[in-house]
Amino acid sequence: MWSLGKLRVACFVLLGAAIPAVAGFASLVPALQWLCVAWLGGIAYLMHGLSRRACDNAVVLLVDQRGIFDRRVTPRHIAWQEIEVIWPVDTERSCVVDIELRWPEITLREARWRVRIGAYCQKASAVPAVSISMLLLEGDVSRLLQAVARYRPDLLHYTNRRAPLEHSHSGG
């Protein structure tokens, strides 16, 4: 689920980002004023996205016996047999879990084009095809790794097989 606490913090960050744009309206330079309007338009777009997430009660990320389902990535589960390995994660600092796929083009064929690009990046540059962000979700990477370890510990890097319990600073 989306974390209301983390979404609230993101809203305050966006509010802070809007302050320079509001101050820019005092300028007598029309080009700068238009830049500030565009800046505020971008912030309004991001705020709208945060608002949609705050009102959304649907499951965003699910790890179960079928695999990993992240509705931001694909409209279906990524089956365990489609995952080659889950890259090592610094559970103290990271908000993202990177996944290398066995058949990236096949696994991501139903995904949006922004996600499908990951398949080509994995093939060309040996980087993981999928990154799952925990930034605005309940929990943290440790909880995600623990869920993976419950079903497929063999996919985890040895340093992440015993992910520590959720940190007190994770906020959710």
N, C-alpha and C. Protein backbone atom coordinates (compact mmCIF):
# COMPACT_ATOMS: atom_id res chain seq x y z
N MET A 1 0.83 -1.18 0.00
CA MET A 1 0.00 0.00 0.00
C MET A 1 0.89 1.25 0.00
N TRP A 2 0.30 2.33 -0.45
CA TRP A 2 1.00 3.61 -0.38
C TRP A 2 1.07 4.04 1.07
N SER A 3 2.16 4.63 1.48
CA SER A 3 2.34 5.12 2.84
C SER A 3 1.89 6.57 2.92
N LEU A 4 0.84 6.82 3.71
CA LEU A 4 0.34 8.18 3.84
C LEU A 4 1.38 9.10 4.49
N GLY A 5 2.15 8.57 5.43
CA GLY A 5 3.20 9.37 6.06
C GLY A 5 4.27 9.80 5.06
N LYS A 6 4.70 8.86 4.22
CA LYS A 6 5.72 9.18 3.21
C LYS A 6 5.16 10.11 2.15
N LEU A 7 3.88 9.94 1.79
CA LEU A 7 3.26 10.84 0.81
C LEU A 7 3.16 12.26 1.39
N ARG A 8 2.86 12.35 2.67
CA ARG A 8 2.78 13.65 3.33
C ARG A 8 4.14 14.37 3.27
N VAL A 9 5.21 13.65 3.55
CA VAL A 9 6.55 14.23 3.48
C VAL A 9 6.84 14.70 2.05
N ALA A 10 6.48 13.88 1.06
CA ALA A 10 6.70 14.26 -0.34
C ALA A 10 5.93 15.53 -0.69
N CYS A 11 4.74 15.68 -0.15
CA CYS A 11 3.96 16.91 -0.41
C CYS A 11 4.66 18.13 0.17
N PHE A 12 5.23 18.01 1.36
CA PHE A 12 5.95 19.14 1.95
C PHE A 12 7.21 19.47 1.14
N VAL A 13 7.87 18.46 0.60
CA VAL A 13 9.04 18.70 -0.24
C VAL A 13 8.61 19.47 -1.50
N LEU A 14 7.49 19.06 -2.10
CA LEU A 14 6.99 19.77 -3.28
C LEU A 14 6.58 21.20 -2.94
N LEU A 15 5.99 21.38 -1.78
CA LEU A 15 5.63 22.73 -1.34
C LEU A 15 6.88 23.59 -1.24
N GLY A 16 7.94 23.04 -0.68
CA GLY A 16 9.20 23.78 -0.60
C GLY A 16 9.77 24.09 -1.97
N ALA A 17 9.59 23.16 -2.92
CA ALA A 17 10.08 23.39 -4.29
C ALA A 17 9.27 24.47 -5.00
N ALA A 18 8.07 24.73 -4.54
CA ALA A 18 7.22 25.75 -5.18
C ALA A 18 7.59 27.16 -4.74
N ILE A 19 8.20 27.30 -3.59
CA ILE A 19 8.48 28.63 -3.04
C ILE A 19 9.35 29.48 -3.97
N PRO A 20 10.45 28.94 -4.53
CA PRO A 20 11.24 29.79 -5.45
C PRO A 20 10.45 30.22 -6.68
N ALA A 21 9.56 29.35 -7.15
CA ALA A 21 8.76 29.72 -8.33
C ALA A 21 7.80 30.85 -8.00
N VAL A 22 7.19 30.79 -6.83
CA VAL A 22 6.30 31.87 -6.41
C VAL A 22 7.08 33.18 -6.28
N ALA A 23 8.27 33.10 -5.70
CA ALA A 23 9.11 34.29 -5.56
C ALA A 23 9.52 34.85 -6.92
N GLY A 24 9.66 33.99 -7.91
CA GLY A 24 10.06 34.42 -9.25
C GLY A 24 9.02 35.28 -9.94
N PHE A 25 7.77 35.23 -9.47
CA PHE A 25 6.73 36.07 -10.07
C PHE A 25 6.98 37.55 -9.81
N ALA A 26 7.77 37.86 -8.80
CA ALA A 26 8.09 39.26 -8.50
C ALA A 26 9.03 39.85 -9.54
N SER A 27 9.62 39.01 -10.33
CA SER A 27 10.55 39.47 -11.37
C SER A 27 9.78 40.24 -12.45
N LEU A 28 10.45 41.19 -13.02
CA LEU A 28 9.85 41.97 -14.11
C LEU A 28 10.15 41.37 -15.48
N VAL A 29 10.91 40.28 -15.50
CA VAL A 29 11.29 39.64 -16.76
C VAL A 29 10.20 38.62 -17.13
N PRO A 30 9.49 38.87 -18.25
CA PRO A 30 8.40 37.98 -18.63
C PRO A 30 8.84 36.52 -18.85
N ALA A 31 10.03 36.31 -19.40
CA ALA A 31 10.49 34.94 -19.64
C ALA A 31 10.64 34.19 -18.32
N LEU A 32 11.14 34.88 -17.30
CA LEU A 32 11.29 34.27 -15.98
C LEU A 32 9.92 33.97 -15.38
N GLN A 33 8.97 34.85 -15.58
CA GLN A 33 7.62 34.62 -15.07
C GLN A 33 6.99 33.39 -15.74
N TRP A 34 7.20 33.23 -17.03
CA TRP A 34 6.66 32.06 -17.74
C TRP A 34 7.35 30.78 -17.27
N LEU A 35 8.64 30.88 -17.01
CA LEU A 35 9.37 29.73 -16.47
C LEU A 35 8.78 29.33 -15.11
N CYS A 36 8.45 30.31 -14.30
CA CYS A 36 7.86 30.04 -12.99
C CYS A 36 6.47 29.41 -13.14
N VAL A 37 5.71 29.84 -14.12
CA VAL A 37 4.40 29.23 -14.38
C VAL A 37 4.58 27.76 -14.78
N ALA A 38 5.54 27.49 -15.64
CA ALA A 38 5.80 26.11 -16.04
C ALA A 38 6.25 25.28 -14.85
N TRP A 39 7.11 25.86 -14.02
CA TRP A 39 7.60 25.20 -12.82
C TRP A 39 6.42 24.82 -11.91
N LEU A 40 5.54 25.78 -11.67
CA LEU A 40 4.37 25.52 -10.81
C LEU A 40 3.42 24.51 -11.46
N GLY A 41 3.32 24.54 -12.78
CA GLY A 41 2.51 23.53 -13.47
C GLY A 41 3.05 22.13 -13.24
N GLY A 42 4.37 21.99 -13.30
CA GLY A 42 4.99 20.69 -13.03
C GLY A 42 4.76 20.23 -11.61
N ILE A 43 4.86 21.17 -10.67
CA ILE A 43 4.62 20.83 -9.26
C ILE A 43 3.16 20.44 -9.06
N ALA A 44 2.24 21.14 -9.71
CA ALA A 44 0.81 20.79 -9.61
C ALA A 44 0.56 19.39 -10.16
N TYR A 45 1.22 19.05 -11.25
CA TYR A 45 1.10 17.70 -11.83
C TYR A 45 1.58 16.64 -10.84
N LEU A 46 2.73 16.89 -10.22
CA LEU A 46 3.26 15.94 -9.23
C LEU A 46 2.36 15.85 -8.00
N MET A 47 1.82 16.98 -7.55
CA MET A 47 0.89 16.97 -6.42
C MET A 47 -0.36 16.18 -6.74
N HIS A 48 -0.84 16.31 -7.97
CA HIS A 48 -2.02 15.53 -8.39
C HIS A 48 -1.71 14.04 -8.31
N GLY A 49 -0.53 13.64 -8.75
CA GLY A 49 -0.13 12.24 -8.67
C GLY A 49 -0.06 11.75 -7.23
N LEU A 50 0.48 12.57 -6.34
CA LEU A 50 0.54 12.19 -4.92
C LEU A 50 -0.87 12.10 -4.33
N SER A 51 -1.74 13.01 -4.74
CA SER A 51 -3.13 12.98 -4.26
C SER A 51 -3.83 11.70 -4.71
N ARG A 52 -3.63 11.30 -5.95
CA ARG A 52 -4.23 10.05 -6.46
C ARG A 52 -3.73 8.87 -5.65
N ARG A 53 -2.46 8.85 -5.34
CA ARG A 53 -1.90 7.74 -4.57
C ARG A 53 -2.45 7.73 -3.14
N ALA A 54 -2.63 8.90 -2.54
CA ALA A 54 -3.14 8.97 -1.17
C ALA A 54 -4.57 8.45 -1.08
N CYS A 55 -5.33 8.58 -2.15
CA CYS A 55 -6.73 8.12 -2.17
C CYS A 55 -6.86 6.69 -2.66
N ASP A 56 -5.79 6.08 -3.10
CA ASP A 56 -5.81 4.74 -3.69
C ASP A 56 -5.57 3.68 -2.61
N ASN A 57 -6.53 2.80 -2.43
CA ASN A 57 -6.40 1.74 -1.43
C ASN A 57 -6.01 0.41 -2.04
N ALA A 58 -5.71 0.38 -3.31
CA ALA A 58 -5.36 -0.87 -3.98
C ALA A 58 -3.95 -1.33 -3.58
N VAL A 59 -3.73 -2.62 -3.68
CA VAL A 59 -2.41 -3.18 -3.41
C VAL A 59 -1.46 -2.74 -4.51
N VAL A 60 -0.31 -2.22 -4.12
CA VAL A 60 0.69 -1.76 -5.07
C VAL A 60 1.73 -2.84 -5.30
N LEU A 61 2.18 -3.45 -4.21
CA LEU A 61 3.25 -4.44 -4.26
C LEU A 61 2.85 -5.65 -3.44
N LEU A 62 3.01 -6.84 -4.04
CA LEU A 62 2.64 -8.08 -3.37
C LEU A 62 3.68 -9.14 -3.69
N VAL A 63 4.17 -9.81 -2.66
CA VAL A 63 5.09 -10.93 -2.83
C VAL A 63 4.36 -12.15 -2.27
N ASP A 64 4.16 -13.16 -3.12
CA ASP A 64 3.48 -14.37 -2.67
C ASP A 64 4.05 -15.59 -3.39
N GLN A 65 3.39 -16.71 -3.26
CA GLN A 65 3.91 -17.96 -3.84
C GLN A 65 4.01 -17.91 -5.36
N ARG A 66 3.29 -17.02 -6.02
CA ARG A 66 3.36 -16.91 -7.48
C ARG A 66 4.54 -16.08 -7.95
N GLY A 67 5.00 -15.15 -7.12
CA GLY A 67 6.10 -14.28 -7.52
C GLY A 67 5.93 -12.89 -6.94
N ILE A 68 6.38 -11.91 -7.69
CA ILE A 68 6.32 -10.51 -7.26
C ILE A 68 5.37 -9.77 -8.18
N PHE A 69 4.38 -9.12 -7.56
CA PHE A 69 3.45 -8.29 -8.32
C PHE A 69 3.65 -6.85 -7.88
N ASP A 70 4.02 -6.00 -8.83
CA ASP A 70 4.12 -4.56 -8.59
C ASP A 70 3.34 -3.91 -9.72
N ARG A 71 2.19 -3.39 -9.40
CA ARG A 71 1.32 -2.85 -10.45
C ARG A 71 1.92 -1.64 -11.15
N ARG A 72 2.97 -1.06 -10.57
CA ARG A 72 3.66 0.04 -11.25
C ARG A 72 4.55 -0.49 -12.36
N VAL A 73 4.87 -1.80 -12.31
CA VAL A 73 5.80 -2.40 -13.27
C VAL A 73 5.05 -3.15 -14.35
N THR A 74 4.26 -4.15 -13.98
CA THR A 74 3.52 -4.95 -14.96
C THR A 74 2.11 -5.21 -14.44
N PRO A 75 1.20 -5.53 -15.34
CA PRO A 75 -0.17 -5.83 -14.92
C PRO A 75 -0.34 -7.24 -14.36
N ARG A 76 0.74 -7.99 -14.25
CA ARG A 76 0.68 -9.36 -13.75
C ARG A 76 1.87 -9.63 -12.84
N HIS A 77 1.82 -10.78 -12.18
CA HIS A 77 2.96 -11.20 -11.35
C HIS A 77 4.19 -11.45 -12.24
N ILE A 78 5.34 -11.15 -11.72
CA ILE A 78 6.59 -11.63 -12.31
C ILE A 78 6.83 -12.95 -11.60
N ALA A 79 6.67 -14.04 -12.33
CA ALA A 79 6.79 -15.37 -11.72
C ALA A 79 8.21 -15.61 -11.23
N TRP A 80 8.31 -16.42 -10.17
CA TRP A 80 9.63 -16.70 -9.61
C TRP A 80 10.58 -17.26 -10.65
N GLN A 81 10.10 -18.12 -11.54
CA GLN A 81 10.99 -18.71 -12.54
C GLN A 81 11.47 -17.68 -13.57
N GLU A 82 10.84 -16.52 -13.65
CA GLU A 82 11.27 -15.47 -14.57
C GLU A 82 12.38 -14.60 -13.99
N ILE A 83 12.63 -14.75 -12.69
CA ILE A 83 13.64 -13.94 -12.01
C ILE A 83 14.95 -14.70 -11.96
N GLU A 84 16.00 -14.09 -12.49
CA GLU A 84 17.33 -14.68 -12.44
C GLU A 84 17.94 -14.49 -11.06
N VAL A 85 17.96 -13.24 -10.60
CA VAL A 85 18.56 -12.93 -9.30
C VAL A 85 18.05 -11.57 -8.85
N ILE A 86 18.05 -11.39 -7.54
CA ILE A 86 17.77 -10.07 -6.96
C ILE A 86 19.11 -9.53 -6.49
N TRP A 87 19.47 -8.38 -7.02
CA TRP A 87 20.79 -7.82 -6.76
C TRP A 87 20.96 -7.45 -5.29
N PRO A 88 22.21 -7.39 -4.83
CA PRO A 88 22.46 -7.02 -3.43
C PRO A 88 21.93 -5.61 -3.13
N VAL A 89 21.44 -5.45 -1.91
CA VAL A 89 20.84 -4.18 -1.50
C VAL A 89 21.45 -3.77 -0.17
N ASP A 90 21.79 -2.50 -0.06
CA ASP A 90 22.20 -1.95 1.22
C ASP A 90 20.92 -1.58 1.96
N THR A 91 20.51 -2.44 2.89
CA THR A 91 19.23 -2.25 3.57
C THR A 91 19.21 -1.01 4.47
N GLU A 92 20.36 -0.48 4.78
CA GLU A 92 20.42 0.73 5.62
C GLU A 92 20.16 2.00 4.81
N ARG A 93 20.50 1.98 3.52
CA ARG A 93 20.46 3.22 2.74
C ARG A 93 19.55 3.18 1.51
N SER A 94 19.27 2.03 0.99
CA SER A 94 18.57 1.94 -0.28
C SER A 94 17.05 1.90 -0.12
N CYS A 95 16.36 2.45 -1.09
CA CYS A 95 14.89 2.39 -1.16
C CYS A 95 14.46 1.59 -2.37
N VAL A 96 15.42 0.96 -3.07
CA VAL A 96 15.13 0.28 -4.33
C VAL A 96 15.71 -1.13 -4.31
N VAL A 97 14.93 -2.07 -4.84
CA VAL A 97 15.40 -3.44 -5.03
C VAL A 97 15.47 -3.69 -6.53
N ASP A 98 16.64 -4.11 -7.00
CA ASP A 98 16.87 -4.35 -8.44
C ASP A 98 16.75 -5.83 -8.74
N ILE A 99 16.03 -6.13 -9.84
CA ILE A 99 15.75 -7.51 -10.22
C ILE A 99 16.27 -7.78 -11.63
N GLU A 100 17.09 -8.79 -11.75
CA GLU A 100 17.56 -9.24 -13.06
C GLU A 100 16.64 -10.38 -13.52
N LEU A 101 16.16 -10.26 -14.73
CA LEU A 101 15.21 -11.25 -15.26
C LEU A 101 15.90 -12.25 -16.17
N ARG A 102 15.37 -13.46 -16.23
CA ARG A 102 15.90 -14.49 -17.14
C ARG A 102 15.59 -14.14 -18.60
N TRP A 103 14.35 -13.75 -18.85
CA TRP A 103 13.89 -13.42 -20.20
C TRP A 103 13.23 -12.04 -20.15
N PRO A 104 14.03 -10.98 -20.05
CA PRO A 104 13.47 -9.64 -19.82
C PRO A 104 12.47 -9.19 -20.88
N GLU A 105 12.74 -9.45 -22.14
CA GLU A 105 11.82 -8.99 -23.18
C GLU A 105 10.47 -9.69 -23.09
N ILE A 106 10.49 -10.97 -22.75
CA ILE A 106 9.23 -11.72 -22.64
C ILE A 106 8.48 -11.31 -21.38
N THR A 107 9.18 -11.22 -20.27
CA THR A 107 8.55 -10.87 -19.00
C THR A 107 7.92 -9.48 -19.04
N LEU A 108 8.57 -8.55 -19.69
CA LEU A 108 8.10 -7.16 -19.70
C LEU A 108 7.30 -6.78 -20.93
N ARG A 109 6.93 -7.74 -21.74
CA ARG A 109 6.23 -7.40 -22.99
C ARG A 109 4.89 -6.72 -22.77
N GLU A 110 4.23 -6.95 -21.63
CA GLU A 110 2.94 -6.32 -21.34
C GLU A 110 3.08 -5.03 -20.55
N ALA A 111 4.29 -4.69 -20.18
CA ALA A 111 4.53 -3.50 -19.37
C ALA A 111 4.47 -2.24 -20.23
N ARG A 112 4.34 -1.10 -19.57
CA ARG A 112 4.38 0.18 -20.28
C ARG A 112 5.77 0.36 -20.89
N TRP A 113 5.88 1.18 -21.91
CA TRP A 113 7.14 1.33 -22.63
C TRP A 113 8.27 1.78 -21.71
N ARG A 114 7.97 2.62 -20.69
CA ARG A 114 9.02 3.08 -19.77
C ARG A 114 9.65 1.92 -19.02
N VAL A 115 8.85 0.91 -18.74
CA VAL A 115 9.35 -0.26 -18.02
C VAL A 115 10.05 -1.22 -19.00
N ARG A 116 9.49 -1.36 -20.21
CA ARG A 116 10.09 -2.27 -21.21
C ARG A 116 11.50 -1.87 -21.59
N ILE A 117 11.83 -0.60 -21.45
CA ILE A 117 13.20 -0.15 -21.74
C ILE A 117 14.20 -0.90 -20.89
N GLY A 118 13.79 -1.27 -19.67
CA GLY A 118 14.67 -2.01 -18.77
C GLY A 118 15.15 -3.32 -19.36
N ALA A 119 14.31 -3.98 -20.17
CA ALA A 119 14.70 -5.24 -20.80
C ALA A 119 15.89 -5.03 -21.72
N TYR A 120 15.85 -3.97 -22.49
CA TYR A 120 16.93 -3.70 -23.44
C TYR A 120 18.19 -3.22 -22.70
N CYS A 121 17.99 -2.49 -21.61
CA CYS A 121 19.14 -2.06 -20.80
C CYS A 121 19.84 -3.26 -20.18
N GLN A 122 19.05 -4.25 -19.70
CA GLN A 122 19.67 -5.43 -19.11
C GLN A 122 20.46 -6.20 -20.15
N LYS A 123 19.91 -6.35 -21.34
CA LYS A 123 20.61 -7.10 -22.39
C LYS A 123 21.87 -6.37 -22.86
N ALA A 124 21.79 -5.06 -23.00
CA ALA A 124 22.91 -4.30 -23.56
C ALA A 124 23.99 -3.96 -22.53
N SER A 125 23.58 -3.69 -21.30
CA SER A 125 24.54 -3.14 -20.33
C SER A 125 24.69 -3.97 -19.07
N ALA A 126 24.06 -5.11 -19.00
CA ALA A 126 24.15 -5.98 -17.82
C ALA A 126 23.73 -5.28 -16.54
N VAL A 127 22.67 -4.49 -16.64
CA VAL A 127 22.06 -3.87 -15.46
C VAL A 127 20.70 -4.55 -15.24
N PRO A 128 20.16 -4.50 -14.04
CA PRO A 128 18.87 -5.17 -13.81
C PRO A 128 17.75 -4.53 -14.63
N ALA A 129 16.84 -5.37 -15.10
CA ALA A 129 15.75 -4.90 -15.95
C ALA A 129 14.68 -4.17 -15.16
N VAL A 130 14.48 -4.54 -13.90
CA VAL A 130 13.39 -3.99 -13.10
C VAL A 130 13.94 -3.46 -11.78
N SER A 131 13.47 -2.29 -11.40
CA SER A 131 13.78 -1.72 -10.09
C SER A 131 12.47 -1.46 -9.37
N ILE A 132 12.35 -2.00 -8.15
CA ILE A 132 11.15 -1.80 -7.36
C ILE A 132 11.48 -0.80 -6.26
N SER A 133 10.82 0.34 -6.31
CA SER A 133 11.05 1.40 -5.33
C SER A 133 10.10 1.24 -4.15
N MET A 134 10.65 1.36 -2.96
CA MET A 134 9.86 1.32 -1.73
C MET A 134 9.68 2.73 -1.16
N LEU A 135 10.11 3.73 -1.91
CA LEU A 135 10.17 5.10 -1.41
C LEU A 135 8.83 5.60 -0.85
N LEU A 136 7.73 5.41 -1.56
CA LEU A 136 6.44 5.92 -1.09
C LEU A 136 5.50 4.82 -0.61
N LEU A 137 6.03 3.62 -0.41
CA LEU A 137 5.21 2.50 0.02
C LEU A 137 5.38 2.23 1.51
N GLU A 138 4.40 1.55 2.08
CA GLU A 138 4.53 1.08 3.46
C GLU A 138 5.72 0.12 3.51
N GLY A 139 6.47 0.17 4.57
CA GLY A 139 7.60 -0.73 4.72
C GLY A 139 8.86 -0.19 4.08
N ASP A 140 9.85 -1.07 3.97
CA ASP A 140 11.13 -0.69 3.39
C ASP A 140 11.72 -1.89 2.66
N VAL A 141 12.93 -1.75 2.16
CA VAL A 141 13.54 -2.84 1.38
C VAL A 141 13.75 -4.09 2.24
N SER A 142 14.00 -3.93 3.52
CA SER A 142 14.19 -5.10 4.38
C SER A 142 12.94 -5.96 4.41
N ARG A 143 11.78 -5.33 4.52
CA ARG A 143 10.53 -6.10 4.53
C ARG A 143 10.30 -6.78 3.18
N LEU A 144 10.64 -6.11 2.10
CA LEU A 144 10.51 -6.73 0.78
C LEU A 144 11.43 -7.94 0.67
N LEU A 145 12.67 -7.78 1.10
CA LEU A 145 13.63 -8.90 1.04
C LEU A 145 13.19 -10.05 1.93
N GLN A 146 12.62 -9.75 3.09
CA GLN A 146 12.11 -10.80 3.97
C GLN A 146 10.98 -11.58 3.29
N ALA A 147 10.12 -10.87 2.58
CA ALA A 147 9.02 -11.54 1.87
C ALA A 147 9.56 -12.43 0.77
N VAL A 148 10.56 -11.96 0.05
CA VAL A 148 11.18 -12.78 -1.00
C VAL A 148 11.83 -14.00 -0.36
N ALA A 149 12.52 -13.81 0.75
CA ALA A 149 13.22 -14.91 1.43
C ALA A 149 12.24 -15.99 1.89
N ARG A 150 11.03 -15.62 2.16
CA ARG A 150 10.01 -16.58 2.58
C ARG A 150 9.71 -17.59 1.46
N TYR A 151 9.75 -17.12 0.21
CA TYR A 151 9.38 -17.97 -0.93
C TYR A 151 10.57 -18.46 -1.75
N ARG A 152 11.55 -17.58 -1.98
CA ARG A 152 12.69 -17.93 -2.83
C ARG A 152 13.99 -17.31 -2.31
N PRO A 153 14.50 -17.79 -1.20
CA PRO A 153 15.75 -17.22 -0.66
C PRO A 153 16.93 -17.41 -1.60
N ASP A 154 16.85 -18.41 -2.48
CA ASP A 154 17.94 -18.66 -3.42
C ASP A 154 18.14 -17.52 -4.41
N LEU A 155 17.15 -16.66 -4.60
CA LEU A 155 17.27 -15.53 -5.53
C LEU A 155 18.00 -14.34 -4.91
N LEU A 156 18.12 -14.34 -3.59
CA LEU A 156 18.75 -13.22 -2.90
C LEU A 156 20.26 -13.38 -2.84
N HIS A 157 20.96 -12.27 -2.91
CA HIS A 157 22.40 -12.24 -2.69
C HIS A 157 22.64 -12.69 -1.24
N TYR A 158 23.73 -13.36 -0.98
CA TYR A 158 23.98 -13.92 0.36
C TYR A 158 23.95 -12.85 1.44
N THR A 159 24.31 -11.60 1.10
CA THR A 159 24.30 -10.53 2.12
C THR A 159 22.88 -10.10 2.49
N ASN A 160 21.91 -10.45 1.67
CA ASN A 160 20.53 -10.04 1.91
C ASN A 160 19.61 -11.19 2.34
N ARG A 161 20.17 -12.37 2.52
CA ARG A 161 19.31 -13.50 2.88
C ARG A 161 18.70 -13.37 4.26
N ARG A 162 19.34 -12.63 5.10
CA ARG A 162 18.79 -12.38 6.44
C ARG A 162 18.62 -10.87 6.61
N ALA A 163 17.74 -10.31 5.84
CA ALA A 163 17.49 -8.86 5.92
C ALA A 163 17.02 -8.51 7.32
N PRO A 164 17.60 -7.47 7.92
CA PRO A 164 17.18 -7.09 9.27
C PRO A 164 15.72 -6.63 9.28
N LEU A 165 15.12 -6.68 10.46
CA LEU A 165 13.76 -6.19 10.59
C LEU A 165 13.70 -4.73 10.21
N GLU A 166 12.50 -4.28 9.90
CA GLU A 166 12.30 -2.91 9.46
C GLU A 166 12.95 -1.93 10.43
N HIS A 167 13.63 -0.94 9.86
CA HIS A 167 14.36 0.04 10.67
C HIS A 167 13.41 1.05 11.25
N SER A 168 13.75 1.58 12.39
CA SER A 168 12.88 2.56 13.05
C SER A 168 12.81 3.87 12.27
N HIS A 169 13.81 4.14 11.42
CA HIS A 169 13.81 5.40 10.66
C HIS A 169 13.06 5.28 9.34
N SER A 170 12.48 4.11 9.05
CA SER A 170 11.85 3.91 7.74
C SER A 170 10.50 4.60 7.63
N GLY A 171 9.85 4.90 8.72
CA GLY A 171 8.61 5.66 8.67
C GLY A 171 7.43 4.88 8.20
N GLY A 172 7.43 3.59 8.22
CA GLY A 172 6.24 2.93 7.75
C GLY A 172 6.27 1.50 7.86
